[in-house]
Amino acid sequence: LMSASQDKSLRLWNPHSGAHIKTYNGPHNYEVTDVAIAEDNSKFISCGGDRDFFQWDVVSGQVIRKFVSHDRKVNALAFGPQDEIVLSASSDKTVRLWDVRASIRKPLHTLLDATDSVLCLAIMGPDVFVSGSADGGLRRYDTRQRLLITDHMMKPIGSVSHSNDRECLLVSTLDGKARLMECESGDILATYTGHMNQQFKVQSTLDPSNAWVVSGSEDGYVCTWDLGEGQLLRRQEAHEGPVLCVAFRDECLVTAAADGGLKVWRSELLLETEVEVGAAAASLAVCGLPALFG
């Protein structure tokens, strides 16, 4: 498990024991906004307010490569298939594609379709990815067919993720809603409400079985819904500040919040009757706050 923080550092954790394994710092002069780990776990990339982003070696903790091109801070990163391509999304309104194998230091492509900051990315297939922007545009790119399909959500998009079969997208917007969309048609299959999301970039996700939707909330709660029915199953008090990040690792849910803490939850407890937070989660001490949007 790796965390990124406003204290300009990244940290590697054992999510089961809560042990802090390693701290990575040095190149970032501003907050770290995102981190993406390669499939073989040997390398990772990180970005932030520097306008540049970096590729690291996990074991040595050294920066392997610096990527320079964006004009404003970089909000999101993603590895493409086989970790050969990296995507970066920025407040300069662009998405850029990079070949990490090439010696050339310039991006392969620069996509200029957004009219405001691009905040999030999701890889859908070998040649297909999705971006979400503060202009409310959900853009699906097929780079092989040179195709762009845009759905207008009308509110800034802070989070986008996909189902296991990659036929559906979960999209969170700054109107307190998360929506399940069919990729091909753009139809809204379900809408999830009950959490607070008006000011910050708050992440939502599907559980590994694709039975639940889970989202953070600006009031410090974690919310869980039934995927198909859209029914709010549980609101769990989790942190003392806005819960900004949620992600599943194996059968556990990891949450990160503006109180500077990470918690690892046994996911089955999110659907049981009310329990004490201490019984449901193991806390990991973190210095500095996660990056905010708003």
C-alpha atoms as a PDB file:
ATOM      1  CA  LEU A   1       0.000   0.000   0.000  1.00  0.00           C
ATOM      2  CA  MET A   2       1.380   3.417  -0.939  1.00  0.00           C
ATOM      3  CA  SER A   3       0.154   6.832   0.221  1.00  0.00           C
ATOM      4  CA  ALA A   4       0.777  10.342  -1.139  1.00  0.00           C
ATOM      5  CA  SER A   5       0.596  13.467   0.985  1.00  0.00           C
ATOM      6  CA  GLN A   6       0.735  17.236   1.217  1.00  0.00           C
ATOM      7  CA  ASP A   7       3.987  16.844   3.167  1.00  0.00           C
ATOM      8  CA  LYS A   8       5.685  16.213  -0.244  1.00  0.00           C
ATOM      9  CA  SER A   9       6.401  12.558   0.533  1.00  0.00           C
ATOM     10  CA  LEU A  10       5.172   9.093  -0.373  1.00  0.00           C
ATOM     11  CA  ARG A  11       5.067   6.184   2.055  1.00  0.00           C
ATOM     12  CA  LEU A  12       4.972   2.429   1.621  1.00  0.00           C
ATOM     13  CA  TRP A  13       2.949   0.415   4.150  1.00  0.00           C
ATOM     14  CA  ASN A  14       2.079  -3.153   5.014  1.00  0.00           C
ATOM     15  CA  PRO A  15      -1.737  -2.888   4.976  1.00  0.00           C
ATOM     16  CA  HIS A  16      -2.217  -5.968   7.167  1.00  0.00           C
ATOM     17  CA  SER A  17       0.128  -5.091  10.036  1.00  0.00           C
ATOM     18  CA  GLY A  18       0.091  -1.310   9.631  1.00  0.00           C
ATOM     19  CA  ALA A  19       3.892  -1.284   9.537  1.00  0.00           C
ATOM     20  CA  HIS A  20       5.581   1.640   7.801  1.00  0.00           C
ATOM     21  CA  ILE A  21       8.121   0.152   5.367  1.00  0.00           C
ATOM     22  CA  LYS A  22       9.719   3.070   3.536  1.00  0.00           C
ATOM     23  CA  THR A  23       9.441   6.813   2.894  1.00  0.00           C
ATOM     24  CA  TYR A  24      10.133   8.320  -0.535  1.00  0.00           C
ATOM     25  CA  ASN A  25      10.927  12.020  -0.731  1.00  0.00           C
ATOM     26  CA  GLY A  26      13.214  14.513  -2.383  1.00  0.00           C
ATOM     27  CA  PRO A  27      12.039  15.533  -5.854  1.00  0.00           C
ATOM     28  CA  HIS A  28       8.603  16.907  -4.957  1.00  0.00           C
ATOM     29  CA  ASN A  29       8.600  20.552  -3.866  1.00  0.00           C
ATOM     30  CA  TYR A  30       4.813  20.706  -3.480  1.00  0.00           C
ATOM     31  CA  GLU A  31       2.025  18.366  -2.421  1.00  0.00           C
ATOM     32  CA  VAL A  32       1.907  14.898  -3.999  1.00  0.00           C
ATOM     33  CA  THR A  33      -1.476  14.444  -5.665  1.00  0.00           C
ATOM     34  CA  ASP A  34      -1.361  10.902  -7.066  1.00  0.00           C
ATOM     35  CA  VAL A  35       0.692   7.726  -7.265  1.00  0.00           C
ATOM     36  CA  ALA A  36       0.399   4.724  -9.604  1.00  0.00           C
ATOM     37  CA  ILE A  37       2.250   1.430  -9.157  1.00  0.00           C
ATOM     38  CA  ALA A  38       3.441  -0.809 -12.007  1.00  0.00           C
ATOM     39  CA  GLU A  39       1.961  -4.302 -12.328  1.00  0.00           C
ATOM     40  CA  ASP A  40       5.190  -5.996 -11.234  1.00  0.00           C
ATOM     41  CA  ASN A  41       5.443  -3.690  -8.184  1.00  0.00           C
ATOM     42  CA  SER A  42       9.026  -2.780  -9.073  1.00  0.00           C
ATOM     43  CA  LYS A  43       8.367   0.825 -10.047  1.00  0.00           C
ATOM     44  CA  PHE A  44       5.870   3.584  -9.408  1.00  0.00           C
ATOM     45  CA  ILE A  45       5.104   7.073 -10.683  1.00  0.00           C
ATOM     46  CA  SER A  46       4.108  10.118  -8.641  1.00  0.00           C
ATOM     47  CA  CYS A  47       2.875  13.607  -9.429  1.00  0.00           C
ATOM     48  CA  GLY A  48       1.906  16.803  -7.688  1.00  0.00           C
ATOM     49  CA  GLY A  49       2.044  20.563  -7.725  1.00  0.00           C
ATOM     50  CA  ASP A  50       5.500  20.563  -9.317  1.00  0.00           C
ATOM     51  CA  ARG A  51       4.063  20.342 -12.880  1.00  0.00           C
ATOM     52  CA  ASP A  52       6.464  17.433 -13.443  1.00  0.00           C
ATOM     53  CA  PHE A  53       6.096  13.798 -12.449  1.00  0.00           C
ATOM     54  CA  PHE A  54       8.595  11.116 -11.576  1.00  0.00           C
ATOM     55  CA  GLN A  55       9.244   7.413 -12.077  1.00  0.00           C
ATOM     56  CA  TRP A  56      10.797   5.644  -9.062  1.00  0.00           C
ATOM     57  CA  ASP A  57      12.475   2.347  -8.259  1.00  0.00           C
ATOM     58  CA  VAL A  58      10.610   0.811  -5.299  1.00  0.00           C
ATOM     59  CA  VAL A  59      13.573  -0.961  -3.694  1.00  0.00           C
ATOM     60  CA  SER A  60      16.277   1.700  -4.010  1.00  0.00           C
ATOM     61  CA  GLY A  61      13.929   4.659  -3.535  1.00  0.00           C
ATOM     62  CA  GLN A  62      15.703   6.485  -6.356  1.00  0.00           C
ATOM     63  CA  VAL A  63      14.067   8.509  -9.131  1.00  0.00           C
ATOM     64  CA  ILE A  64      14.656   6.796 -12.476  1.00  0.00           C
ATOM     65  CA  ARG A  65      13.140   9.415 -14.740  1.00  0.00           C
ATOM     66  CA  LYS A  66      11.602  12.870 -14.644  1.00  0.00           C
ATOM     67  CA  PHE A  67       8.768  13.758 -17.035  1.00  0.00           C
ATOM     68  CA  VAL A  68       8.581  17.455 -17.959  1.00  0.00           C
ATOM     69  CA  SER A  69       5.924  19.042 -20.167  1.00  0.00           C
ATOM     70  CA  HIS A  70       2.852  20.190 -18.205  1.00  0.00           C
ATOM     71  CA  ASP A  71       2.278  23.875 -17.494  1.00  0.00           C
ATOM     72  CA  ARG A  72       0.359  23.425 -14.240  1.00  0.00           C
ATOM     73  CA  LYS A  73       0.102  20.807 -11.495  1.00  0.00           C
ATOM     74  CA  VAL A  74      -0.490  17.165 -12.430  1.00  0.00           C
ATOM     75  CA  ASN A  75      -3.638  15.729 -10.821  1.00  0.00           C
ATOM     76  CA  ALA A  76      -3.697  12.075 -11.891  1.00  0.00           C
ATOM     77  CA  LEU A  77      -1.517   9.335 -13.373  1.00  0.00           C
ATOM     78  CA  ALA A  78      -2.176   5.890 -14.814  1.00  0.00           C
ATOM     79  CA  PHE A  79      -0.133   3.074 -16.299  1.00  0.00           C
ATOM     80  CA  GLY A  80      -1.351   1.646 -19.593  1.00  0.00           C
ATOM     81  CA  PRO A  81      -1.265  -2.094 -20.420  1.00  0.00           C
ATOM     82  CA  GLN A  82       2.127  -3.767 -19.872  1.00  0.00           C
ATOM     83  CA  ASP A  83       3.238  -0.540 -18.151  1.00  0.00           C
ATOM     84  CA  GLU A  84       4.690   0.697 -21.439  1.00  0.00           C
ATOM     85  CA  ILE A  85       2.558   3.835 -21.633  1.00  0.00           C
ATOM     86  CA  VAL A  86       1.906   6.363 -18.872  1.00  0.00           C
ATOM     87  CA  LEU A  87      -0.977   8.851 -18.903  1.00  0.00           C
ATOM     88  CA  SER A  88      -0.875  12.150 -17.030  1.00  0.00           C
ATOM     89  CA  ALA A  89      -3.794  14.531 -16.388  1.00  0.00           C
ATOM     90  CA  SER A  90      -3.210  18.133 -15.438  1.00  0.00           C
ATOM     91  CA  SER A  91      -4.728  21.441 -14.416  1.00  0.00           C
ATOM     92  CA  ASP A  92      -3.342  22.780 -17.712  1.00  0.00           C
ATOM     93  CA  LYS A  93      -6.452  21.143 -19.286  1.00  0.00           C
ATOM     94  CA  THR A  94      -4.479  18.409 -21.046  1.00  0.00           C
ATOM     95  CA  VAL A  95      -3.986  14.660 -20.941  1.00  0.00           C
ATOM     96  CA  ARG A  96      -0.558  13.511 -22.136  1.00  0.00           C
ATOM     97  CA  LEU A  97       0.595  10.046 -23.190  1.00  0.00           C
ATOM     98  CA  TRP A  98       4.214   8.990 -22.625  1.00  0.00           C
ATOM     99  CA  ASP A  99       6.292   6.015 -23.757  1.00  0.00           C
ATOM    100  CA  VAL A 100       8.366   5.048 -20.710  1.00  0.00           C
ATOM    101  CA  ARG A 101      10.645   2.843 -22.871  1.00  0.00           C
ATOM    102  CA  ALA A 102      11.680   5.592 -25.275  1.00  0.00           C
ATOM    103  CA  SER A 103      14.707   7.797 -24.782  1.00  0.00           C
ATOM    104  CA  ILE A 104      12.793  10.793 -26.125  1.00  0.00           C
ATOM    105  CA  ARG A 105      11.611  13.058 -23.310  1.00  0.00           C
ATOM    106  CA  LYS A 106       8.535  14.491 -25.037  1.00  0.00           C
ATOM    107  CA  PRO A 107       4.998  13.060 -24.793  1.00  0.00           C
ATOM    108  CA  LEU A 108       3.715  10.860 -27.610  1.00  0.00           C
ATOM    109  CA  HIS A 109       0.396  12.703 -27.690  1.00  0.00           C
ATOM    110  CA  THR A 110      -1.133  15.751 -26.019  1.00  0.00           C
ATOM    111  CA  LEU A 111      -4.940  15.809 -25.843  1.00  0.00           C
ATOM    112  CA  LEU A 112      -6.437  19.290 -25.693  1.00  0.00           C
ATOM    113  CA  ASP A 113     -10.170  18.553 -25.542  1.00  0.00           C
ATOM    114  CA  ALA A 114     -10.925  19.657 -21.955  1.00  0.00           C
ATOM    115  CA  THR A 115     -11.776  23.276 -21.174  1.00  0.00           C
ATOM    116  CA  ASP A 116     -10.825  23.051 -17.482  1.00  0.00           C
ATOM    117  CA  SER A 117      -8.553  20.990 -15.218  1.00  0.00           C
ATOM    118  CA  VAL A 118      -8.460  17.246 -15.904  1.00  0.00           C
ATOM    119  CA  LEU A 119      -8.810  15.587 -12.499  1.00  0.00           C
ATOM    120  CA  CYS A 120      -8.976  11.807 -12.945  1.00  0.00           C
ATOM    121  CA  LEU A 121      -8.206   8.899 -15.288  1.00  0.00           C
ATOM    122  CA  ALA A 122      -9.282   5.283 -15.782  1.00  0.00           C
ATOM    123  CA  ILE A 123      -7.751   2.721 -18.158  1.00  0.00           C
ATOM    124  CA  MET A 124     -10.443   0.711 -19.960  1.00  0.00           C
ATOM    125  CA  GLY A 125      -8.375  -1.420 -22.358  1.00  0.00           C
ATOM    126  CA  PRO A 126      -5.215  -1.555 -24.487  1.00  0.00           C
ATOM    127  CA  ASP A 127      -6.205   1.529 -26.484  1.00  0.00           C
ATOM    128  CA  VAL A 128      -9.118   2.968 -24.502  1.00  0.00           C
ATOM    129  CA  PHE A 129      -9.120   5.260 -21.471  1.00  0.00           C
ATOM    130  CA  VAL A 130     -11.444   7.735 -19.775  1.00  0.00           C
ATOM    131  CA  SER A 131     -10.756  11.153 -18.274  1.00  0.00           C
ATOM    132  CA  GLY A 132     -12.877  13.293 -15.976  1.00  0.00           C
ATOM    133  CA  SER A 133     -12.604  17.068 -15.923  1.00  0.00           C
ATOM    134  CA  ALA A 134     -13.678  20.069 -13.851  1.00  0.00           C
ATOM    135  CA  ASP A 135     -15.613  21.183 -16.956  1.00  0.00           C
ATOM    136  CA  GLY A 136     -17.999  18.245 -16.358  1.00  0.00           C
ATOM    137  CA  GLY A 137     -16.781  16.353 -19.408  1.00  0.00           C
ATOM    138  CA  LEU A 138     -16.406  12.586 -19.190  1.00  0.00           C
ATOM    139  CA  ARG A 139     -14.249  11.788 -22.214  1.00  0.00           C
ATOM    140  CA  ARG A 140     -13.658   8.296 -23.562  1.00  0.00           C
ATOM    141  CA  TYR A 141     -10.714   8.006 -25.945  1.00  0.00           C
ATOM    142  CA  ASP A 142      -9.951   5.181 -28.346  1.00  0.00           C
ATOM    143  CA  THR A 143      -6.425   5.977 -29.502  1.00  0.00           C
ATOM    144  CA  ARG A 144      -6.303   3.251 -32.144  1.00  0.00           C
ATOM    145  CA  GLN A 145      -9.515   4.349 -33.865  1.00  0.00           C
ATOM    146  CA  ARG A 146      -8.825   8.038 -33.117  1.00  0.00           C
ATOM    147  CA  LEU A 147     -12.259   8.275 -31.532  1.00  0.00           C
ATOM    148  CA  LEU A 148     -13.508  10.580 -28.771  1.00  0.00           C
ATOM    149  CA  ILE A 149     -16.899  10.247 -27.080  1.00  0.00           C
ATOM    150  CA  THR A 150     -17.888  12.903 -24.529  1.00  0.00           C
ATOM    151  CA  ASP A 151     -20.664  12.729 -21.939  1.00  0.00           C
ATOM    152  CA  HIS A 152     -21.494  15.996 -20.205  1.00  0.00           C
ATOM    153  CA  MET A 153     -22.102  15.489 -16.473  1.00  0.00           C
ATOM    154  CA  MET A 154     -22.653  19.242 -15.875  1.00  0.00           C
ATOM    155  CA  LYS A 155     -20.575  19.224 -12.651  1.00  0.00           C
ATOM    156  CA  PRO A 156     -16.832  18.750 -12.007  1.00  0.00           C
ATOM    157  CA  ILE A 157     -15.850  15.072 -12.069  1.00  0.00           C
ATOM    158  CA  GLY A 158     -13.628  14.095  -9.150  1.00  0.00           C
ATOM    159  CA  SER A 159     -13.481  10.329  -9.557  1.00  0.00           C
ATOM    160  CA  VAL A 160     -13.914   7.727 -12.285  1.00  0.00           C
ATOM    161  CA  SER A 161     -13.449   3.950 -12.041  1.00  0.00           C
ATOM    162  CA  HIS A 162     -14.669   0.904 -13.956  1.00  0.00           C
ATOM    163  CA  SER A 163     -16.409  -2.399 -13.302  1.00  0.00           C
ATOM    164  CA  ASN A 164     -14.557  -5.713 -13.588  1.00  0.00           C
ATOM    165  CA  ASP A 165     -15.870  -6.303 -17.102  1.00  0.00           C
ATOM    166  CA  ARG A 166     -15.106  -2.667 -18.041  1.00  0.00           C
ATOM    167  CA  GLU A 167     -18.615  -2.278 -19.432  1.00  0.00           C
ATOM    168  CA  CYS A 168     -19.656   0.228 -16.755  1.00  0.00           C
ATOM    169  CA  LEU A 169     -18.133   3.363 -15.234  1.00  0.00           C
ATOM    170  CA  LEU A 170     -18.630   4.755 -11.753  1.00  0.00           C
ATOM    171  CA  VAL A 171     -18.466   8.559 -11.904  1.00  0.00           C
ATOM    172  CA  SER A 172     -18.505  10.921  -8.903  1.00  0.00           C
ATOM    173  CA  THR A 173     -19.315  14.597  -9.338  1.00  0.00           C
ATOM    174  CA  LEU A 174     -19.289  17.648  -7.086  1.00  0.00           C
ATOM    175  CA  ASP A 175     -23.061  17.645  -6.653  1.00  0.00           C
ATOM    176  CA  GLY A 176     -23.135  14.907  -4.007  1.00  0.00           C
ATOM    177  CA  LYS A 177     -23.841  12.129  -6.509  1.00  0.00           C
ATOM    178  CA  ALA A 178     -22.106   9.067  -7.882  1.00  0.00           C
ATOM    179  CA  ARG A 179     -23.504   7.492 -11.035  1.00  0.00           C
ATOM    180  CA  LEU A 180     -23.121   4.082 -12.652  1.00  0.00           C
ATOM    181  CA  MET A 181     -22.951   4.521 -16.434  1.00  0.00           C
ATOM    182  CA  GLU A 182     -22.960   2.070 -19.293  1.00  0.00           C
ATOM    183  CA  CYS A 183     -19.839   2.760 -21.327  1.00  0.00           C
ATOM    184  CA  GLU A 184     -21.147   2.195 -24.831  1.00  0.00           C
ATOM    185  CA  SER A 185     -24.467   4.019 -24.556  1.00  0.00           C
ATOM    186  CA  GLY A 186     -23.708   6.533 -21.797  1.00  0.00           C
ATOM    187  CA  ASP A 187     -26.965   5.535 -20.077  1.00  0.00           C
ATOM    188  CA  ILE A 188     -27.221   6.136 -16.321  1.00  0.00           C
ATOM    189  CA  LEU A 189     -27.953   2.754 -14.709  1.00  0.00           C
ATOM    190  CA  ALA A 190     -28.070   3.911 -11.075  1.00  0.00           C
ATOM    191  CA  THR A 191     -27.476   7.045  -8.993  1.00  0.00           C
ATOM    192  CA  TYR A 192     -26.028   6.973  -5.471  1.00  0.00           C
ATOM    193  CA  THR A 193     -26.696   9.741  -2.940  1.00  0.00           C
ATOM    194  CA  GLY A 194     -26.379  10.181   0.808  1.00  0.00           C
ATOM    195  CA  HIS A 195     -22.751  11.291   1.006  1.00  0.00           C
ATOM    196  CA  MET A 196     -21.406  14.844   0.990  1.00  0.00           C
ATOM    197  CA  ASN A 197     -19.362  15.926  -2.035  1.00  0.00           C
ATOM    198  CA  GLN A 198     -19.617  19.598  -2.905  1.00  0.00           C
ATOM    199  CA  GLN A 199     -16.137  21.011  -2.421  1.00  0.00           C
ATOM    200  CA  PHE A 200     -13.367  18.388  -2.629  1.00  0.00           C
ATOM    201  CA  LYS A 201     -12.213  15.683  -5.008  1.00  0.00           C
ATOM    202  CA  VAL A 202     -13.751  12.620  -3.296  1.00  0.00           C
ATOM    203  CA  GLN A 203     -13.048   9.122  -4.584  1.00  0.00           C
ATOM    204  CA  SER A 204     -15.590   6.338  -5.119  1.00  0.00           C
ATOM    205  CA  THR A 205     -15.038   2.723  -6.139  1.00  0.00           C
ATOM    206  CA  LEU A 206     -16.640  -0.680  -6.677  1.00  0.00           C
ATOM    207  CA  ASP A 207     -15.783  -3.558  -4.368  1.00  0.00           C
ATOM    208  CA  PRO A 208     -13.906  -6.540  -5.911  1.00  0.00           C
ATOM    209  CA  SER A 209     -17.127  -8.526  -6.385  1.00  0.00           C
ATOM    210  CA  ASN A 210     -18.898  -5.563  -8.018  1.00  0.00           C
ATOM    211  CA  ALA A 211     -21.772  -5.915  -5.552  1.00  0.00           C
ATOM    212  CA  TRP A 212     -21.290  -2.626  -3.697  1.00  0.00           C
ATOM    213  CA  VAL A 213     -20.393   0.975  -4.371  1.00  0.00           C
ATOM    214  CA  VAL A 214     -18.235   2.691  -1.743  1.00  0.00           C
ATOM    215  CA  SER A 215     -17.470   6.408  -1.491  1.00  0.00           C
ATOM    216  CA  GLY A 216     -15.786   8.814   0.836  1.00  0.00           C
ATOM    217  CA  SER A 217     -17.658  11.823   2.141  1.00  0.00           C
ATOM    218  CA  GLU A 218     -16.772  15.344   3.227  1.00  0.00           C
ATOM    219  CA  ASP A 219     -18.387  14.787   6.649  1.00  0.00           C
ATOM    220  CA  GLY A 220     -15.864  12.080   7.587  1.00  0.00           C
ATOM    221  CA  TYR A 221     -18.092   9.106   6.750  1.00  0.00           C
ATOM    222  CA  VAL A 222     -17.711   6.174   4.376  1.00  0.00           C
ATOM    223  CA  CYS A 223     -20.901   5.300   2.487  1.00  0.00           C
ATOM    224  CA  THR A 224     -21.845   1.926   0.988  1.00  0.00           C
ATOM    225  CA  TRP A 225     -24.634   1.245  -1.517  1.00  0.00           C
ATOM    226  CA  ASP A 226     -26.081  -1.782  -3.247  1.00  0.00           C
ATOM    227  CA  LEU A 227     -24.760  -1.597  -6.819  1.00  0.00           C
ATOM    228  CA  GLY A 228     -27.939  -2.514  -8.687  1.00  0.00           C
ATOM    229  CA  GLU A 229     -30.625  -1.005  -6.462  1.00  0.00           C
ATOM    230  CA  GLY A 230     -28.754   2.143  -5.511  1.00  0.00           C
ATOM    231  CA  GLN A 231     -29.901   1.726  -1.897  1.00  0.00           C
ATOM    232  CA  LEU A 232     -27.694   3.274   0.782  1.00  0.00           C
ATOM    233  CA  LEU A 233     -26.780   0.329   2.995  1.00  0.00           C
ATOM    234  CA  ARG A 234     -24.512   1.995   5.526  1.00  0.00           C
ATOM    235  CA  ARG A 235     -22.924   5.284   6.602  1.00  0.00           C
ATOM    236  CA  GLN A 236     -19.874   4.492   8.732  1.00  0.00           C
ATOM    237  CA  GLU A 237     -18.197   7.232  10.745  1.00  0.00           C
ATOM    238  CA  ALA A 238     -14.558   6.815   9.744  1.00  0.00           C
ATOM    239  CA  HIS A 239     -12.372   9.928  10.086  1.00  0.00           C
ATOM    240  CA  GLU A 240     -12.321  13.358  11.696  1.00  0.00           C
ATOM    241  CA  GLY A 241     -11.990  15.108   8.325  1.00  0.00           C
ATOM    242  CA  PRO A 242     -13.270  14.661   4.768  1.00  0.00           C
ATOM    243  CA  VAL A 243     -12.670  11.123   3.485  1.00  0.00           C
ATOM    244  CA  LEU A 244     -10.981  11.765   0.133  1.00  0.00           C
ATOM    245  CA  CYS A 245      -9.676   8.369  -0.998  1.00  0.00           C
ATOM    246  CA  VAL A 246     -11.139   4.849  -0.919  1.00  0.00           C
ATOM    247  CA  ALA A 247      -9.552   1.769  -2.495  1.00  0.00           C
ATOM    248  CA  PHE A 248      -9.901  -1.995  -2.103  1.00  0.00           C
ATOM    249  CA  ARG A 249      -6.843  -4.168  -1.559  1.00  0.00           C
ATOM    250  CA  ASP A 250      -7.748  -7.863  -1.524  1.00  0.00           C
ATOM    251  CA  GLU A 251     -10.666  -8.135   0.914  1.00  0.00           C
ATOM    252  CA  CYS A 252      -9.857  -4.908   2.752  1.00  0.00           C
ATOM    253  CA  LEU A 253     -10.909  -1.319   2.154  1.00  0.00           C
ATOM    254  CA  VAL A 254      -8.350   1.448   2.639  1.00  0.00           C
ATOM    255  CA  THR A 255      -9.535   4.976   3.402  1.00  0.00           C
ATOM    256  CA  ALA A 256      -7.521   8.209   3.582  1.00  0.00           C
ATOM    257  CA  ALA A 257      -8.743  11.549   4.865  1.00  0.00           C
ATOM    258  CA  ALA A 258      -7.883  15.186   5.499  1.00  0.00           C
ATOM    259  CA  ASP A 259      -7.187  14.318   9.147  1.00  0.00           C
ATOM    260  CA  GLY A 260      -3.883  12.885   7.896  1.00  0.00           C
ATOM    261  CA  GLY A 261      -4.823   9.271   8.622  1.00  0.00           C
ATOM    262  CA  LEU A 262      -5.130   6.027   6.710  1.00  0.00           C
ATOM    263  CA  LYS A 263      -7.409   3.202   7.880  1.00  0.00           C
ATOM    264  CA  VAL A 264      -7.649  -0.384   6.678  1.00  0.00           C
ATOM    265  CA  TRP A 265     -11.124  -1.882   7.097  1.00  0.00           C
ATOM    266  CA  ARG A 266     -12.411  -5.406   7.048  1.00  0.00           C
ATOM    267  CA  SER A 267     -14.868  -4.869   4.232  1.00  0.00           C
ATOM    268  CA  GLU A 268     -17.594  -7.174   5.603  1.00  0.00           C
ATOM    269  CA  LEU A 269     -17.989  -4.867   8.598  1.00  0.00           C
ATOM    270  CA  LEU A 270     -19.147  -2.057   6.313  1.00  0.00           C
ATOM    271  CA  LEU A 271     -22.468  -3.870   5.940  1.00  0.00           C
ATOM    272  CA  GLU A 272     -22.993  -5.060   9.519  1.00  0.00           C
ATOM    273  CA  THR A 273     -24.762  -3.267  12.362  1.00  0.00           C
ATOM    274  CA  GLU A 274     -22.988  -0.304  13.902  1.00  0.00           C
ATOM    275  CA  VAL A 275     -19.568  -1.118  15.360  1.00  0.00           C
ATOM    276  CA  GLU A 276     -16.872   0.965  16.967  1.00  0.00           C
ATOM    277  CA  VAL A 277     -14.422   2.379  14.437  1.00  0.00           C
ATOM    278  CA  GLY A 278     -11.562   0.823  16.413  1.00  0.00           C
ATOM    279  CA  ALA A 279     -13.044  -2.640  15.917  1.00  0.00           C
ATOM    280  CA  ALA A 280     -13.560  -2.161  12.221  1.00  0.00           C
ATOM    281  CA  ALA A 281     -10.331  -0.535  11.178  1.00  0.00           C
ATOM    282  CA  ALA A 282      -6.624  -0.539  11.787  1.00  0.00           C
ATOM    283  CA  SER A 283      -5.082   2.936  11.735  1.00  0.00           C
ATOM    284  CA  LEU A 284      -1.806   3.890  10.044  1.00  0.00           C
ATOM    285  CA  ALA A 285      -0.141   7.061  11.265  1.00  0.00           C
ATOM    286  CA  VAL A 286       0.607   9.518   8.440  1.00  0.00           C
ATOM    287  CA  CYS A 287       2.261  12.935   8.585  1.00  0.00           C
ATOM    288  CA  GLY A 288       0.689  15.592   6.371  1.00  0.00           C
ATOM    289  CA  LEU A 289      -2.679  15.824   4.679  1.00  0.00           C
ATOM    290  CA  PRO A 290      -3.831  14.184   1.452  1.00  0.00           C
ATOM    291  CA  ALA A 291      -4.147  16.612  -1.420  1.00  0.00           C
ATOM    292  CA  LEU A 292      -7.470  18.432  -1.650  1.00  0.00           C
ATOM    293  CA  PHE A 293      -9.440  19.874  -4.517  1.00  0.00           C
ATOM    294  CA  GLY A 294     -11.717  22.868  -4.179  1.00  0.00           C
END
